[in-house]
Each structure stands twice: as structure tokens, then as C-alpha cells.
Amino acid sequence: MGGGMEVHKNRWIEEWNAGRENLEFNFRWTRRSLAVVGLFGLAVPILVYKGIVREFDEDAGRPYRKFL
């Protein structure tokens, strides 16, 4: 009834999907990947935490606490 509707595979999408499926096997630690992990895995969360704590302290009228 609805024939002639075969899927045409796109070569670039198939290559991209294969790369995503095998990422953990092909990943290599480089200086750049360590820098990205350090930035977004350590620095950004610490800065967000410090900003939130400072905002709560200002709202509550507490003096600035210098730790972390």
C-alpha cells in the first residue's frame, strides 16, 4: 500500500554516528582535553558555588566568609 519508501542512508550521518558509538574506544587524553575537563569540571562548578554562597550571605546580611 505504501511501497517505494525505502530509507536512503546519508554517508556523513552514518560516519558521525559510528564515531559517537566508538567514542570511548577512540578517546585520547591530550593537553586540550585535560584543560577542558579542568575548566568545566572543576573551575566552573567552584565559581558557581562561590557565587551562590555569596548571594545567599548578602541576602541574609551575613559578613563575607573567606574559605574554599
PDB file of N, CA and C in Angstrom:
ATOM      1  N   MET A   1       0.811  -1.184   0.000  1.00  0.00           N
ATOM      2  CA  MET A   1       0.000   0.000   0.000  1.00  0.00           C
ATOM      3  C   MET A   1       0.861   1.257   0.000  1.00  0.00           C
ATOM      4  N   GLY A   2       1.910   1.279   0.812  1.00  0.00           N
ATOM      5  CA  GLY A   2       2.768   2.458   0.871  1.00  0.00           C
ATOM      6  C   GLY A   2       4.168   2.124   0.413  1.00  0.00           C
ATOM      7  N   GLY A   3       4.349   1.381  -0.653  1.00  0.00           N
ATOM      8  CA  GLY A   3       5.666   0.948  -1.094  1.00  0.00           C
ATOM      9  C   GLY A   3       6.500   2.090  -1.655  1.00  0.00           C
ATOM     10  N   GLY A   4       7.764   1.793  -1.935  1.00  0.00           N
ATOM     11  CA  GLY A   4       8.671   2.774  -2.500  1.00  0.00           C
ATOM     12  C   GLY A   4       9.153   3.806  -1.491  1.00  0.00           C
ATOM     13  N   MET A   5       9.137   3.472  -0.208  1.00  0.00           N
ATOM     14  CA  MET A   5       9.518   4.433   0.832  1.00  0.00           C
ATOM     15  C   MET A   5      10.802   3.983   1.539  1.00  0.00           C
ATOM     16  N   GLU A   6      11.741   3.424   0.793  1.00  0.00           N
ATOM     17  CA  GLU A   6      12.975   2.944   1.409  1.00  0.00           C
ATOM     18  C   GLU A   6      13.783   4.122   1.952  1.00  0.00           C
ATOM     19  N   VAL A   7      14.534   3.853   3.015  1.00  0.00           N
ATOM     20  CA  VAL A   7      15.368   4.882   3.617  1.00  0.00           C
ATOM     21  C   VAL A   7      16.683   4.952   2.855  1.00  0.00           C
ATOM     22  N   HIS A   8      17.099   6.168   2.506  1.00  0.00           N
ATOM     23  CA  HIS A   8      18.385   6.377   1.853  1.00  0.00           C
ATOM     24  C   HIS A   8      19.363   6.861   2.918  1.00  0.00           C
ATOM     25  N   LYS A   9      20.399   6.075   3.159  1.00  0.00           N
ATOM     26  CA  LYS A   9      21.358   6.414   4.205  1.00  0.00           C
ATOM     27  C   LYS A   9      22.279   7.534   3.736  1.00  0.00           C
ATOM     28  N   ASN A  10      22.547   8.449   4.646  1.00  0.00           N
ATOM     29  CA  ASN A  10      23.475   9.538   4.389  1.00  0.00           C
ATOM     30  C   ASN A  10      24.833   9.121   4.935  1.00  0.00           C
ATOM     31  N   ARG A  11      25.852   9.146   4.083  1.00  0.00           N
ATOM     32  CA  ARG A  11      27.170   8.656   4.460  1.00  0.00           C
ATOM     33  C   ARG A  11      27.760   9.431   5.635  1.00  0.00           C
ATOM     34  N   TRP A  12      27.609  10.753   5.625  1.00  0.00           N
ATOM     35  CA  TRP A  12      28.205  11.580   6.675  1.00  0.00           C
ATOM     36  C   TRP A  12      27.507  11.355   8.016  1.00  0.00           C
ATOM     37  N   ILE A  13      26.225  11.183   8.002  1.00  0.00           N
ATOM     38  CA  ILE A  13      25.499  10.907   9.244  1.00  0.00           C
ATOM     39  C   ILE A  13      25.884   9.540   9.793  1.00  0.00           C
ATOM     40  N   GLU A  14      26.045   8.571   8.926  1.00  0.00           N
ATOM     41  CA  GLU A  14      26.457   7.236   9.367  1.00  0.00           C
ATOM     42  C   GLU A  14      27.860   7.266   9.972  1.00  0.00           C
ATOM     43  N   GLU A  15      28.783   8.038   9.366  1.00  0.00           N
ATOM     44  CA  GLU A  15      30.131   8.158   9.923  1.00  0.00           C
ATOM     45  C   GLU A  15      30.101   8.850  11.279  1.00  0.00           C
ATOM     46  N   TRP A  16      29.284   9.893  11.402  1.00  0.00           N
ATOM     47  CA  TRP A  16      29.175  10.620  12.663  1.00  0.00           C
ATOM     48  C   TRP A  16      28.613   9.711  13.753  1.00  0.00           C
ATOM     49  N   ASN A  17      27.585   8.932  13.431  1.00  0.00           N
ATOM     50  CA  ASN A  17      27.008   8.001  14.405  1.00  0.00           C
ATOM     51  C   ASN A  17      28.011   6.918  14.811  1.00  0.00           C
ATOM     52  N   ALA A  18      28.782   6.417  13.851  1.00  0.00           N
ATOM     53  CA  ALA A  18      29.793   5.410  14.178  1.00  0.00           C
ATOM     54  C   ALA A  18      30.850   5.998  15.110  1.00  0.00           C
ATOM     55  N   GLY A  19      31.218   7.257  14.884  1.00  0.00           N
ATOM     56  CA  GLY A  19      32.173   7.915  15.773  1.00  0.00           C
ATOM     57  C   GLY A  19      31.628   8.085  17.178  1.00  0.00           C
ATOM     58  N   ARG A  20      30.353   8.410  17.288  1.00  0.00           N
ATOM     59  CA  ARG A  20      29.725   8.556  18.610  1.00  0.00           C
ATOM     60  C   ARG A  20      29.648   7.218  19.336  1.00  0.00           C
ATOM     61  N   GLU A  21      29.364   6.147  18.601  1.00  0.00           N
ATOM     62  CA  GLU A  21      29.244   4.832  19.224  1.00  0.00           C
ATOM     63  C   GLU A  21      30.588   4.322  19.733  1.00  0.00           C
ATOM     64  N   ASN A  22      31.676   4.731  19.097  1.00  0.00           N
ATOM     65  CA  ASN A  22      33.007   4.238  19.457  1.00  0.00           C
ATOM     66  C   ASN A  22      33.854   5.284  20.161  1.00  0.00           C
ATOM     67  N   LEU A  23      33.235   6.310  20.708  1.00  0.00           N
ATOM     68  CA  LEU A  23      33.981   7.407  21.319  1.00  0.00           C
ATOM     69  C   LEU A  23      34.859   6.928  22.465  1.00  0.00           C
ATOM     70  N   GLU A  24      34.345   6.064  23.319  1.00  0.00           N
ATOM     71  CA  GLU A  24      35.139   5.635  24.475  1.00  0.00           C
ATOM     72  C   GLU A  24      36.348   4.795  24.071  1.00  0.00           C
ATOM     73  N   PHE A  25      36.328   4.210  22.892  1.00  0.00           N
ATOM     74  CA  PHE A  25      37.469   3.420  22.428  1.00  0.00           C
ATOM     75  C   PHE A  25      38.510   4.294  21.730  1.00  0.00           C
ATOM     76  N   ASN A  26      38.075   5.401  21.124  1.00  0.00           N
ATOM     77  CA  ASN A  26      38.967   6.255  20.341  1.00  0.00           C
ATOM     78  C   ASN A  26      39.445   7.490  21.096  1.00  0.00           C
ATOM     79  N   PHE A  27      38.968   7.707  22.319  1.00  0.00           N
ATOM     80  CA  PHE A  27      39.322   8.914  23.059  1.00  0.00           C
ATOM     81  C   PHE A  27      40.755   8.842  23.553  1.00  0.00           C
ATOM     82  N   ARG A  28      41.463   9.969  23.441  1.00  0.00           N
ATOM     83  CA  ARG A  28      42.829  10.084  23.941  1.00  0.00           C
ATOM     84  C   ARG A  28      42.919  11.325  24.817  1.00  0.00           C
ATOM     85  N   TRP A  29      43.598  11.193  25.952  1.00  0.00           N
ATOM     86  CA  TRP A  29      43.819  12.354  26.812  1.00  0.00           C
ATOM     87  C   TRP A  29      44.927  13.197  26.212  1.00  0.00           C
ATOM     88  N   THR A  30      44.619  14.440  25.946  1.00  0.00           N
ATOM     89  CA  THR A  30      45.595  15.395  25.440  1.00  0.00           C
ATOM     90  C   THR A  30      45.616  16.598  26.374  1.00  0.00           C
ATOM     91  N   ARG A  31      46.503  17.545  26.104  1.00  0.00           N
ATOM     92  CA  ARG A  31      46.530  18.760  26.908  1.00  0.00           C
ATOM     93  C   ARG A  31      45.220  19.520  26.798  1.00  0.00           C
ATOM     94  N   ARG A  32      44.667  19.539  25.604  1.00  0.00           N
ATOM     95  CA  ARG A  32      43.417  20.268  25.392  1.00  0.00           C
ATOM     96  C   ARG A  32      42.262  19.609  26.139  1.00  0.00           C
ATOM     97  N   SER A  33      42.163  18.281  26.082  1.00  0.00           N
ATOM     98  CA  SER A  33      41.064  17.610  26.778  1.00  0.00           C
ATOM     99  C   SER A  33      41.204  17.757  28.294  1.00  0.00           C
ATOM    100  N   LEU A  34      42.426  17.729  28.812  1.00  0.00           N
ATOM    101  CA  LEU A  34      42.631  17.958  30.242  1.00  0.00           C
ATOM    102  C   LEU A  34      42.242  19.379  30.632  1.00  0.00           C
ATOM    103  N   ALA A  35      42.554  20.342  29.769  1.00  0.00           N
ATOM    104  CA  ALA A  35      42.185  21.729  30.049  1.00  0.00           C
ATOM    105  C   ALA A  35      40.671  21.903  30.051  1.00  0.00           C
ATOM    106  N   VAL A  36      39.987  21.266  29.123  1.00  0.00           N
ATOM    107  CA  VAL A  36      38.523  21.369  29.065  1.00  0.00           C
ATOM    108  C   VAL A  36      37.897  20.724  30.295  1.00  0.00           C
ATOM    109  N   VAL A  37      38.399  19.562  30.701  1.00  0.00           N
ATOM    110  CA  VAL A  37      37.880  18.898  31.904  1.00  0.00           C
ATOM    111  C   VAL A  37      38.158  19.748  33.138  1.00  0.00           C
ATOM    112  N   GLY A  38      39.338  20.319  33.220  1.00  0.00           N
ATOM    113  CA  GLY A  38      39.660  21.174  34.355  1.00  0.00           C
ATOM    114  C   GLY A  38      38.796  22.415  34.405  1.00  0.00           C
ATOM    115  N   LEU A  39      38.525  22.999  33.256  1.00  0.00           N
ATOM    116  CA  LEU A  39      37.723  24.215  33.215  1.00  0.00           C
ATOM    117  C   LEU A  39      36.272  23.939  33.561  1.00  0.00           C
ATOM    118  N   PHE A  40      35.652  23.031  32.831  1.00  0.00           N
ATOM    119  CA  PHE A  40      34.218  22.800  33.006  1.00  0.00           C
ATOM    120  C   PHE A  40      33.897  21.788  34.105  1.00  0.00           C
ATOM    121  N   GLY A  41      34.871  20.996  34.532  1.00  0.00           N
ATOM    122  CA  GLY A  41      34.624  20.023  35.585  1.00  0.00           C
ATOM    123  C   GLY A  41      35.016  20.512  36.967  1.00  0.00           C
ATOM    124  N   LEU A  42      35.906  21.495  37.027  1.00  0.00           N
ATOM    125  CA  LEU A  42      36.356  21.999  38.326  1.00  0.00           C
ATOM    126  C   LEU A  42      36.121  23.499  38.496  1.00  0.00           C
ATOM    127  N   ALA A  43      36.644  24.299  37.577  1.00  0.00           N
ATOM    128  CA  ALA A  43      36.612  25.752  37.755  1.00  0.00           C
ATOM    129  C   ALA A  43      35.198  26.313  37.706  1.00  0.00           C
ATOM    130  N   VAL A  44      34.420  25.942  36.717  1.00  0.00           N
ATOM    131  CA  VAL A  44      33.059  26.488  36.588  1.00  0.00           C
ATOM    132  C   VAL A  44      32.181  26.088  37.775  1.00  0.00           C
ATOM    133  N   PRO A  45      32.144  24.820  38.200  1.00  0.00           N
ATOM    134  CA  PRO A  45      31.321  24.494  39.373  1.00  0.00           C
ATOM    135  C   PRO A  45      31.758  25.220  40.646  1.00  0.00           C
ATOM    136  N   ILE A  46      33.056  25.388  40.851  1.00  0.00           N
ATOM    137  CA  ILE A  46      33.525  26.103  42.039  1.00  0.00           C
ATOM    138  C   ILE A  46      33.091  27.557  41.990  1.00  0.00           C
ATOM    139  N   LEU A  47      33.222  28.194  40.823  1.00  0.00           N
ATOM    140  CA  LEU A  47      32.809  29.593  40.700  1.00  0.00           C
ATOM    141  C   LEU A  47      31.306  29.757  40.876  1.00  0.00           C
ATOM    142  N   VAL A  48      30.532  28.834  40.353  1.00  0.00           N
ATOM    143  CA  VAL A  48      29.078  28.897  40.535  1.00  0.00           C
ATOM    144  C   VAL A  48      28.731  28.736  42.011  1.00  0.00           C
ATOM    145  N   TYR A  49      29.367  27.797  42.687  1.00  0.00           N
ATOM    146  CA  TYR A  49      29.119  27.584  44.115  1.00  0.00           C
ATOM    147  C   TYR A  49      29.463  28.831  44.922  1.00  0.00           C
ATOM    148  N   LYS A  50      30.637  29.411  44.661  1.00  0.00           N
ATOM    149  CA  LYS A  50      31.041  30.605  45.396  1.00  0.00           C
ATOM    150  C   LYS A  50      30.080  31.756  45.143  1.00  0.00           C
ATOM    151  N   GLY A  51      29.598  31.893  43.908  1.00  0.00           N
ATOM    152  CA  GLY A  51      28.639  32.955  43.607  1.00  0.00           C
ATOM    153  C   GLY A  51      27.320  32.762  44.329  1.00  0.00           C
ATOM    154  N   ILE A  52      26.848  31.529  44.395  1.00  0.00           N
ATOM    155  CA  ILE A  52      25.583  31.245  45.083  1.00  0.00           C
ATOM    156  C   ILE A  52      25.716  31.495  46.580  1.00  0.00           C
ATOM    157  N   VAL A  53      26.809  31.029  47.182  1.00  0.00           N
ATOM    158  CA  VAL A  53      27.017  31.234  48.618  1.00  0.00           C
ATOM    159  C   VAL A  53      27.128  32.723  48.929  1.00  0.00           C
ATOM    160  N   ARG A  54      27.838  33.465  48.101  1.00  0.00           N
ATOM    161  CA  ARG A  54      27.979  34.908  48.333  1.00  0.00           C
ATOM    162  C   ARG A  54      26.623  35.606  48.245  1.00  0.00           C
ATOM    163  N   GLU A  55      25.812  35.208  47.267  1.00  0.00           N
ATOM    164  CA  GLU A  55      24.487  35.816  47.125  1.00  0.00           C
ATOM    165  C   GLU A  55      23.600  35.504  48.331  1.00  0.00           C
ATOM    166  N   PHE A  56      23.619  34.265  48.811  1.00  0.00           N
ATOM    167  CA  PHE A  56      22.832  33.913  49.994  1.00  0.00           C
ATOM    168  C   PHE A  56      23.317  34.677  51.228  1.00  0.00           C
ATOM    169  N   ASP A  57      24.638  34.816  51.371  1.00  0.00           N
ATOM    170  CA  ASP A  57      25.175  35.557  52.514  1.00  0.00           C
ATOM    171  C   ASP A  57      24.770  37.027  52.457  1.00  0.00           C
ATOM    172  N   GLU A  58      24.797  37.623  51.267  1.00  0.00           N
ATOM    173  CA  GLU A  58      24.382  39.021  51.138  1.00  0.00           C
ATOM    174  C   GLU A  58      22.903  39.183  51.455  1.00  0.00           C
ATOM    175  N   ASP A  59      22.079  38.253  50.990  1.00  0.00           N
ATOM    176  CA  ASP A  59      20.641  38.332  51.253  1.00  0.00           C
ATOM    177  C   ASP A  59      20.331  38.165  52.737  1.00  0.00           C
ATOM    178  N   ALA A  60      21.110  37.344  53.434  1.00  0.00           N
ATOM    179  CA  ALA A  60      20.870  37.094  54.854  1.00  0.00           C
ATOM    180  C   ALA A  60      21.548  38.131  55.745  1.00  0.00           C
ATOM    181  N   GLY A  61      22.374  39.003  55.175  1.00  0.00           N
ATOM    182  CA  GLY A  61      23.051  40.024  55.956  1.00  0.00           C
ATOM    183  C   GLY A  61      24.257  39.519  56.714  1.00  0.00           C
ATOM    184  N   ARG A  62      24.771  38.370  56.331  1.00  0.00           N
ATOM    185  CA  ARG A  62      25.953  37.818  56.995  1.00  0.00           C
ATOM    186  C   ARG A  62      27.220  38.425  56.380  1.00  0.00           C
ATOM    187  N   PRO A  63      28.292  38.523  57.157  1.00  0.00           N
ATOM    188  CA  PRO A  63      29.550  39.033  56.592  1.00  0.00           C
ATOM    189  C   PRO A  63      30.155  37.999  55.640  1.00  0.00           C
ATOM    190  N   TYR A  64      31.010  38.492  54.764  1.00  0.00           N
ATOM    191  CA  TYR A  64      31.673  37.630  53.786  1.00  0.00           C
ATOM    192  C   TYR A  64      32.573  36.622  54.495  1.00  0.00           C
ATOM    193  N   ARG A  65      32.437  35.334  54.124  1.00  0.00           N
ATOM    194  CA  ARG A  65      33.267  34.262  54.679  1.00  0.00           C
ATOM    195  C   ARG A  65      34.330  33.905  53.658  1.00  0.00           C
ATOM    196  N   LYS A  66      35.566  33.911  54.075  1.00  0.00           N
ATOM    197  CA  LYS A  66      36.645  33.623  53.137  1.00  0.00           C
ATOM    198  C   LYS A  66      37.157  32.205  53.368  1.00  0.00           C
ATOM    199  N   PHE A  67      36.612  31.260  52.625  1.00  0.00           N
ATOM    200  CA  PHE A  67      37.105  29.889  52.629  1.00  0.00           C
ATOM    201  C   PHE A  67      36.794  29.274  51.277  1.00  0.00           C
ATOM    202  N   LEU A  68      37.423  28.161  50.991  1.00  0.00           N
ATOM    203  CA  LEU A  68      37.336  27.438  49.720  1.00  0.00           C
ATOM    204  C   LEU A  68      38.038  28.180  48.637  1.00  0.00           C
TER     205      LEU A  68
END
